[in-house]
């Protein structure tokens, strides 16, 4: 039997759990989300993307050995 979950629903549940367990305030979560969207529209976005991809590659290579 196959169970299909929408990605947005999974993200919502994970986000709710993080907020609940870290005791973040909802206004702080909203501010972080807005800051993320703002950074994605600035010239710093390619640098952030490259750095994130490099970090993931390092972690994946280290974890597979």
Protein backbone atom coordinates (compact mmCIF):
# COMPACT_ATOMS: atom_id res chain seq x y z
CA UNK A 1 0.00 0.00 0.00
CA UNK A 2 1.37 3.38 -1.02
CA UNK A 3 0.81 6.48 1.08
CA UNK A 4 1.14 9.84 -0.64
CA UNK A 5 1.74 12.94 1.47
CA UNK A 6 1.91 16.46 0.08
CA UNK A 7 5.32 18.01 0.63
CA UNK A 8 3.76 21.16 2.08
CA UNK A 9 1.90 19.12 4.68
CA UNK A 10 5.12 17.37 5.73
CA UNK A 11 6.89 20.74 5.99
CA UNK A 12 4.04 22.13 8.07
CA UNK A 13 4.22 19.24 10.53
CA UNK A 14 8.00 19.46 10.80
CA UNK A 15 7.78 23.23 11.29
CA UNK A 16 5.13 22.86 13.96
CA UNK A 17 7.26 20.31 15.82
CA UNK A 18 10.34 22.52 15.66
CA UNK A 19 8.42 25.54 16.95
CA UNK A 20 6.85 23.48 19.72
CA UNK A 21 10.07 21.86 20.92
CA UNK A 22 12.34 24.91 20.62
CA UNK A 23 9.67 27.16 22.17
CA UNK A 24 10.07 29.77 19.44
CA UNK A 25 7.47 32.47 19.22
CA UNK A 26 5.36 32.58 16.06
CA UNK A 27 6.42 36.18 15.36
CA UNK A 28 10.06 35.03 15.35
CA UNK A 29 9.26 32.22 12.90
CA UNK A 30 7.43 34.69 10.66
CA UNK A 31 10.36 37.12 10.79
CA UNK A 32 12.82 34.34 9.87
CA UNK A 33 10.68 33.26 6.93
CA UNK A 34 10.37 36.82 5.65
CA UNK A 35 14.12 37.34 6.03
CA UNK A 36 14.72 34.16 4.02
CA UNK A 37 12.49 35.37 1.20
CA UNK A 38 14.23 38.75 1.30
CA UNK A 39 17.69 37.17 1.09
CA UNK A 40 16.56 35.02 -1.84
CA UNK A 41 15.85 38.19 -3.83
CA UNK A 42 19.17 39.92 -3.12
CA UNK A 43 22.49 39.58 -4.95
CA UNK A 44 23.69 37.40 -2.05
CA UNK A 45 21.41 34.54 -3.19
CA UNK A 46 23.96 32.85 -5.51
CA UNK A 47 26.60 32.92 -2.77
CA UNK A 48 24.18 31.40 -0.28
CA UNK A 49 23.19 28.73 -2.80
CA UNK A 50 26.80 27.83 -3.62
CA UNK A 51 27.78 27.69 0.04
CA UNK A 52 24.82 25.51 0.89
CA UNK A 53 25.58 23.13 -1.96
CA UNK A 54 29.25 22.92 -0.92
CA UNK A 55 28.26 22.17 2.66
CA UNK A 56 25.90 19.41 1.56
CA UNK A 57 28.63 17.88 -0.61
CA UNK A 58 31.07 17.90 2.29
CA UNK A 59 28.55 16.28 4.62
CA UNK A 60 27.57 13.63 2.07
CA UNK A 61 31.18 12.68 1.31
CA UNK A 62 32.05 12.49 4.99
CA UNK A 63 28.98 10.47 5.90
CA UNK A 64 29.52 7.85 3.18
CA UNK A 65 33.05 6.88 4.23
